[in-house]
Amino acid sequence: MEENETTYHAVEKDGHVTAIWEMQGRKHLRTIDPRSEEGHRILGSHTLDEAHEPATNDQAQAQSHE
């Protein structure tokens, strides 16, 4: 993964996406409401990795296709 690559992390709680984090490398750029128009677009156009990182078991990673 490139350092400047933008990724999206779908934060889940009880099986529901509660927030989408836009990240550039390890830097958090902003939080997106998954119920917003932009949130729906992101969730509909990106793939979710089901692998969870040990320190963040409540996140699924969504990566940009760009």
PDB file of N, CA and C in Angstrom:
ATOM      1  N   MET A   1       0.844  -1.175   0.000  1.00  0.00           N
ATOM      2  CA  MET A   1       0.000   0.000   0.000  1.00  0.00           C
ATOM      3  C   MET A   1       0.889   1.238   0.000  1.00  0.00           C
ATOM      4  N   GLU A   2       0.560   2.205  -0.858  1.00  0.00           N
ATOM      5  CA  GLU A   2       1.322   3.431  -0.915  1.00  0.00           C
ATOM      6  C   GLU A   2       0.991   4.308   0.286  1.00  0.00           C
ATOM      7  N   GLU A   3       1.955   5.118   0.710  1.00  0.00           N
ATOM      8  CA  GLU A   3       1.770   5.993   1.860  1.00  0.00           C
ATOM      9  C   GLU A   3       0.664   7.014   1.629  1.00  0.00           C
ATOM     10  N   ASN A   4       0.493   7.487   0.393  1.00  0.00           N
ATOM     11  CA  ASN A   4      -0.521   8.490   0.074  1.00  0.00           C
ATOM     12  C   ASN A   4      -1.861   7.896  -0.326  1.00  0.00           C
ATOM     13  N   GLU A   5      -1.982   6.580  -0.328  1.00  0.00           N
ATOM     14  CA  GLU A   5      -3.225   5.931  -0.730  1.00  0.00           C
ATOM     15  C   GLU A   5      -4.324   6.190   0.300  1.00  0.00           C
ATOM     16  N   THR A   6      -5.502   6.538  -0.193  1.00  0.00           N
ATOM     17  CA  THR A   6      -6.644   6.763   0.687  1.00  0.00           C
ATOM     18  C   THR A   6      -7.383   5.448   0.870  1.00  0.00           C
ATOM     19  N   THR A   7      -7.655   5.107   2.121  1.00  0.00           N
ATOM     20  CA  THR A   7      -8.427   3.906   2.435  1.00  0.00           C
ATOM     21  C   THR A   7      -9.603   4.301   3.306  1.00  0.00           C
ATOM     22  N   TYR A   8     -10.594   3.442   3.338  1.00  0.00           N
ATOM     23  CA  TYR A   8     -11.783   3.673   4.146  1.00  0.00           C
ATOM     24  C   TYR A   8     -11.947   2.493   5.095  1.00  0.00           C
ATOM     25  N   HIS A   9     -12.202   2.788   6.359  1.00  0.00           N
ATOM     26  CA  HIS A   9     -12.388   1.764   7.372  1.00  0.00           C
ATOM     27  C   HIS A   9     -13.821   1.860   7.893  1.00  0.00           C
ATOM     28  N   ALA A  10     -14.573   0.810   7.709  1.00  0.00           N
ATOM     29  CA  ALA A  10     -15.945   0.770   8.208  1.00  0.00           C
ATOM     30  C   ALA A  10     -15.904   0.312   9.656  1.00  0.00           C
ATOM     31  N   VAL A  11     -16.276   1.185  10.572  1.00  0.00           N
ATOM     32  CA  VAL A  11     -16.291   0.874  11.996  1.00  0.00           C
ATOM     33  C   VAL A  11     -17.634   0.222  12.308  1.00  0.00           C
ATOM     34  N   GLU A  12     -17.579  -0.980  12.868  1.00  0.00           N
ATOM     35  CA  GLU A  12     -18.802  -1.730  13.139  1.00  0.00           C
ATOM     36  C   GLU A  12     -19.025  -1.923  14.629  1.00  0.00           C
ATOM     37  N   LYS A  13     -20.283  -1.941  15.012  1.00  0.00           N
ATOM     38  CA  LYS A  13     -20.669  -2.288  16.375  1.00  0.00           C
ATOM     39  C   LYS A  13     -21.935  -3.115  16.272  1.00  0.00           C
ATOM     40  N   ASP A  14     -21.931  -4.267  16.897  1.00  0.00           N
ATOM     41  CA  ASP A  14     -23.086  -5.174  16.874  1.00  0.00           C
ATOM     42  C   ASP A  14     -23.545  -5.479  15.452  1.00  0.00           C
ATOM     43  N   GLY A  15     -22.584  -5.608  14.527  1.00  0.00           N
ATOM     44  CA  GLY A  15     -22.895  -5.984  13.152  1.00  0.00           C
ATOM     45  C   GLY A  15     -23.376  -4.852  12.262  1.00  0.00           C
ATOM     46  N   HIS A  16     -23.361  -3.617  12.759  1.00  0.00           N
ATOM     47  CA  HIS A  16     -23.815  -2.469  11.976  1.00  0.00           C
ATOM     48  C   HIS A  16     -22.669  -1.472  11.821  1.00  0.00           C
ATOM     49  N   VAL A  17     -22.552  -0.903  10.636  1.00  0.00           N
ATOM     50  CA  VAL A  17     -21.540   0.124  10.396  1.00  0.00           C
ATOM     51  C   VAL A  17     -22.000   1.401  11.086  1.00  0.00           C
ATOM     52  N   THR A  18     -21.172   1.919  11.999  1.00  0.00           N
ATOM     53  CA  THR A  18     -21.518   3.127  12.748  1.00  0.00           C
ATOM     54  C   THR A  18     -20.766   4.359  12.258  1.00  0.00           C
ATOM     55  N   ALA A  19     -19.668   4.147  11.538  1.00  0.00           N
ATOM     56  CA  ALA A  19     -18.880   5.259  11.007  1.00  0.00           C
ATOM     57  C   ALA A  19     -17.963   4.734   9.918  1.00  0.00           C
ATOM     58  N   ILE A  20     -17.529   5.632   9.059  1.00  0.00           N
ATOM     59  CA  ILE A  20     -16.529   5.300   8.042  1.00  0.00           C
ATOM     60  C   ILE A  20     -15.374   6.263   8.251  1.00  0.00           C
ATOM     61  N   TRP A  21     -14.179   5.714   8.445  1.00  0.00           N
ATOM     62  CA  TRP A  21     -12.994   6.546   8.633  1.00  0.00           C
ATOM     63  C   TRP A  21     -12.249   6.637   7.322  1.00  0.00           C
ATOM     64  N   GLU A  22     -12.006   7.851   6.856  1.00  0.00           N
ATOM     65  CA  GLU A  22     -11.173   8.065   5.691  1.00  0.00           C
ATOM     66  C   GLU A  22      -9.742   8.248   6.200  1.00  0.00           C
ATOM     67  N   MET A  23      -8.837   7.396   5.713  1.00  0.00           N
ATOM     68  CA  MET A  23      -7.459   7.374   6.192  1.00  0.00           C
ATOM     69  C   MET A  23      -6.494   7.588   5.035  1.00  0.00           C
ATOM     70  N   GLN A  24      -5.367   8.202   5.340  1.00  0.00           N
ATOM     71  CA  GLN A  24      -4.265   8.303   4.382  1.00  0.00           C
ATOM     72  C   GLN A  24      -3.055   7.767   5.123  1.00  0.00           C
ATOM     73  N   GLY A  25      -2.660   6.544   4.754  1.00  0.00           N
ATOM     74  CA  GLY A  25      -1.647   5.846   5.538  1.00  0.00           C
ATOM     75  C   GLY A  25      -2.223   5.575   6.918  1.00  0.00           C
ATOM     76  N   ARG A  26      -1.531   6.013   7.965  1.00  0.00           N
ATOM     77  CA  ARG A  26      -2.020   5.830   9.337  1.00  0.00           C
ATOM     78  C   ARG A  26      -2.724   7.077   9.868  1.00  0.00           C
ATOM     79  N   LYS A  27      -2.865   8.097   9.015  1.00  0.00           N
ATOM     80  CA  LYS A  27      -3.460   9.366   9.434  1.00  0.00           C
ATOM     81  C   LYS A  27      -4.963   9.376   9.165  1.00  0.00           C
ATOM     82  N   HIS A  28      -5.741   9.692  10.211  1.00  0.00           N
ATOM     83  CA  HIS A  28      -7.194   9.814  10.093  1.00  0.00           C
ATOM     84  C   HIS A  28      -7.507  11.180   9.497  1.00  0.00           C
ATOM     85  N   LEU A  29      -8.160  11.189   8.320  1.00  0.00           N
ATOM     86  CA  LEU A  29      -8.504  12.446   7.665  1.00  0.00           C
ATOM     87  C   LEU A  29      -9.855  12.979   8.127  1.00  0.00           C
ATOM     88  N   ARG A  30     -10.858  12.088   8.160  1.00  0.00           N
ATOM     89  CA  ARG A  30     -12.192  12.511   8.574  1.00  0.00           C
ATOM     90  C   ARG A  30     -13.071  11.301   8.838  1.00  0.00           C
ATOM     91  N   THR A  31     -14.204  11.552   9.477  1.00  0.00           N
ATOM     92  CA  THR A  31     -15.202  10.524   9.741  1.00  0.00           C
ATOM     93  C   THR A  31     -16.425  10.837   8.888  1.00  0.00           C
ATOM     94  N   ILE A  32     -16.944   9.811   8.220  1.00  0.00           N
ATOM     95  CA  ILE A  32     -18.088   9.959   7.333  1.00  0.00           C
ATOM     96  C   ILE A  32     -19.260   9.179   7.913  1.00  0.00           C
ATOM     97  N   ASP A  33     -20.430   9.792   7.916  1.00  0.00           N
ATOM     98  CA  ASP A  33     -21.650   9.142   8.387  1.00  0.00           C
ATOM     99  C   ASP A  33     -22.069   8.097   7.354  1.00  0.00           C
ATOM    100  N   PRO A  34     -22.189   6.827   7.742  1.00  0.00           N
ATOM    101  CA  PRO A  34     -22.558   5.791   6.769  1.00  0.00           C
ATOM    102  C   PRO A  34     -23.979   5.949   6.231  1.00  0.00           C
ATOM    103  N   ARG A  35     -24.811   6.738   6.904  1.00  0.00           N
ATOM    104  CA  ARG A  35     -26.188   6.970   6.446  1.00  0.00           C
ATOM    105  C   ARG A  35     -26.281   8.094   5.423  1.00  0.00           C
ATOM    106  N   SER A  36     -25.186   8.860   5.274  1.00  0.00           N
ATOM    107  CA  SER A  36     -25.188   9.976   4.325  1.00  0.00           C
ATOM    108  C   SER A  36     -25.094   9.455   2.892  1.00  0.00           C
ATOM    109  N   GLU A  37     -25.361  10.340   1.935  1.00  0.00           N
ATOM    110  CA  GLU A  37     -25.251   9.974   0.523  1.00  0.00           C
ATOM    111  C   GLU A  37     -23.832   9.503   0.212  1.00  0.00           C
ATOM    112  N   GLU A  38     -22.835  10.238   0.719  1.00  0.00           N
ATOM    113  CA  GLU A  38     -21.441   9.853   0.493  1.00  0.00           C
ATOM    114  C   GLU A  38     -21.130   8.508   1.147  1.00  0.00           C
ATOM    115  N   GLY A  39     -21.640   8.292   2.336  1.00  0.00           N
ATOM    116  CA  GLY A  39     -21.434   7.022   3.033  1.00  0.00           C
ATOM    117  C   GLY A  39     -21.995   5.849   2.252  1.00  0.00           C
ATOM    118  N   HIS A  40     -23.199   6.007   1.706  1.00  0.00           N
ATOM    119  CA  HIS A  40     -23.813   4.951   0.882  1.00  0.00           C
ATOM    120  C   HIS A  40     -22.973   4.680  -0.359  1.00  0.00           C
ATOM    121  N   ARG A  41     -22.464   5.759  -0.978  1.00  0.00           N
ATOM    122  CA  ARG A  41     -21.621   5.600  -2.166  1.00  0.00           C
ATOM    123  C   ARG A  41     -20.353   4.827  -1.834  1.00  0.00           C
ATOM    124  N   ILE A  42     -19.712   5.176  -0.726  1.00  0.00           N
ATOM    125  CA  ILE A  42     -18.464   4.504  -0.340  1.00  0.00           C
ATOM    126  C   ILE A  42     -18.725   3.032  -0.023  1.00  0.00           C
ATOM    127  N   LEU A  43     -19.740   2.763   0.766  1.00  0.00           N
ATOM    128  CA  LEU A  43     -20.035   1.372   1.132  1.00  0.00           C
ATOM    129  C   LEU A  43     -20.448   0.545  -0.077  1.00  0.00           C
ATOM    130  N   GLY A  44     -21.073   1.163  -1.056  1.00  0.00           N
ATOM    131  CA  GLY A  44     -21.519   0.442  -2.242  1.00  0.00           C
ATOM    132  C   GLY A  44     -20.444   0.246  -3.291  1.00  0.00           C
ATOM    133  N   SER A  45     -19.371   1.032  -3.214  1.00  0.00           N
ATOM    134  CA  SER A  45     -18.366   0.974  -4.273  1.00  0.00           C
ATOM    135  C   SER A  45     -17.027   0.407  -3.838  1.00  0.00           C
ATOM    136  N   HIS A  46     -16.915  -0.037  -2.613  1.00  0.00           N
ATOM    137  CA  HIS A  46     -15.653  -0.572  -2.111  1.00  0.00           C
ATOM    138  C   HIS A  46     -15.861  -1.977  -1.561  1.00  0.00           C
ATOM    139  N   THR A  47     -14.789  -2.744  -1.587  1.00  0.00           N
ATOM    140  CA  THR A  47     -14.864  -4.093  -1.051  1.00  0.00           C
ATOM    141  C   THR A  47     -14.460  -4.083   0.417  1.00  0.00           C
ATOM    142  N   LEU A  48     -15.063  -4.960   1.186  1.00  0.00           N
ATOM    143  CA  LEU A  48     -14.729  -5.076   2.597  1.00  0.00           C
ATOM    144  C   LEU A  48     -13.840  -6.283   2.816  1.00  0.00           C
ATOM    145  N   ASP A  49     -12.740  -6.068   3.523  1.00  0.00           N
ATOM    146  CA  ASP A  49     -11.889  -7.177   3.938  1.00  0.00           C
ATOM    147  C   ASP A  49     -12.428  -7.680   5.261  1.00  0.00           C
ATOM    148  N   GLU A  50     -12.690  -8.972   5.358  1.00  0.00           N
ATOM    149  CA  GLU A  50     -13.240  -9.527   6.586  1.00  0.00           C
ATOM    150  C   GLU A  50     -12.166  -9.784   7.635  1.00  0.00           C
ATOM    151  N   ALA A  51     -10.900  -9.670   7.251  1.00  0.00           N
ATOM    152  CA  ALA A  51      -9.813  -9.859   8.211  1.00  0.00           C
ATOM    153  C   ALA A  51      -9.793  -8.700   9.195  1.00  0.00           C
ATOM    154  N   HIS A  52      -9.736  -9.022  10.470  1.00  0.00           N
ATOM    155  CA  HIS A  52      -9.718  -8.003  11.508  1.00  0.00           C
ATOM    156  C   HIS A  52      -8.325  -7.928  12.111  1.00  0.00           C
ATOM    157  N   GLU A  53      -7.899  -6.711  12.413  1.00  0.00           N
ATOM    158  CA  GLU A  53      -6.633  -6.533  13.098  1.00  0.00           C
ATOM    159  C   GLU A  53      -6.856  -6.839  14.575  1.00  0.00           C
ATOM    160  N   PRO A  54      -5.903  -7.483  15.252  1.00  0.00           N
ATOM    161  CA  PRO A  54      -6.092  -7.866  16.649  1.00  0.00           C
ATOM    162  C   PRO A  54      -6.446  -6.706  17.575  1.00  0.00           C
ATOM    163  N   ALA A  55      -5.890  -5.523  17.360  1.00  0.00           N
ATOM    164  CA  ALA A  55      -6.139  -4.399  18.251  1.00  0.00           C
ATOM    165  C   ALA A  55      -7.478  -3.720  17.978  1.00  0.00           C
ATOM    166  N   THR A  56      -8.096  -4.009  16.852  1.00  0.00           N
ATOM    167  CA  THR A  56      -9.338  -3.337  16.482  1.00  0.00           C
ATOM    168  C   THR A  56     -10.338  -4.359  15.947  1.00  0.00           C
ATOM    169  N   ASN A  57     -10.814  -5.216  16.793  1.00  0.00           N
ATOM    170  CA  ASN A  57     -11.710  -6.286  16.373  1.00  0.00           C
ATOM    171  C   ASN A  57     -13.053  -5.788  15.863  1.00  0.00           C
ATOM    172  N   ASP A  58     -13.405  -4.520  16.119  1.00  0.00           N
ATOM    173  CA  ASP A  58     -14.700  -4.031  15.683  1.00  0.00           C
ATOM    174  C   ASP A  58     -14.634  -3.275  14.368  1.00  0.00           C
ATOM    175  N   GLN A  59     -13.533  -3.428  13.614  1.00  0.00           N
ATOM    176  CA  GLN A  59     -13.405  -2.740  12.328  1.00  0.00           C
ATOM    177  C   GLN A  59     -13.308  -3.745  11.196  1.00  0.00           C
ATOM    178  N   ALA A  60     -13.914  -3.386  10.083  1.00  0.00           N
ATOM    179  CA  ALA A  60     -13.675  -4.092   8.818  1.00  0.00           C
ATOM    180  C   ALA A  60     -13.061  -3.058   7.902  1.00  0.00           C
ATOM    181  N   GLN A  61     -12.084  -3.439   7.133  1.00  0.00           N
ATOM    182  CA  GLN A  61     -11.386  -2.466   6.294  1.00  0.00           C
ATOM    183  C   GLN A  61     -11.991  -2.441   4.909  1.00  0.00           C
ATOM    184  N   ALA A  62     -12.272  -1.241   4.441  1.00  0.00           N
ATOM    185  CA  ALA A  62     -12.743  -1.039   3.075  1.00  0.00           C
ATOM    186  C   ALA A  62     -11.666  -0.260   2.342  1.00  0.00           C
ATOM    187  N   GLN A  63     -11.221  -0.786   1.225  1.00  0.00           N
ATOM    188  CA  GLN A  63     -10.127  -0.122   0.503  1.00  0.00           C
ATOM    189  C   GLN A  63     -10.621   0.417  -0.819  1.00  0.00           C
ATOM    190  N   SER A  64     -10.059   1.524  -1.180  1.00  0.00           N
ATOM    191  CA  SER A  64     -10.401   2.203  -2.425  1.00  0.00           C
ATOM    192  C   SER A  64      -9.947   1.379  -3.621  1.00  0.00           C
ATOM    193  N   HIS A  65     -10.718   1.437  -4.711  1.00  0.00           N
ATOM    194  CA  HIS A  65     -10.338   0.754  -5.955  1.00  0.00           C
ATOM    195  C   HIS A  65      -9.478   1.633  -6.831  1.00  0.00           C
ATOM    196  N   GLU A  66      -9.188   2.858  -6.362  1.00  0.00           N
ATOM    197  CA  GLU A  66      -8.414   3.802  -7.181  1.00  0.00           C
ATOM    198  C   GLU A  66      -6.951   3.492  -7.133  1.00  0.00           C
TER     199      GLU A  66
END
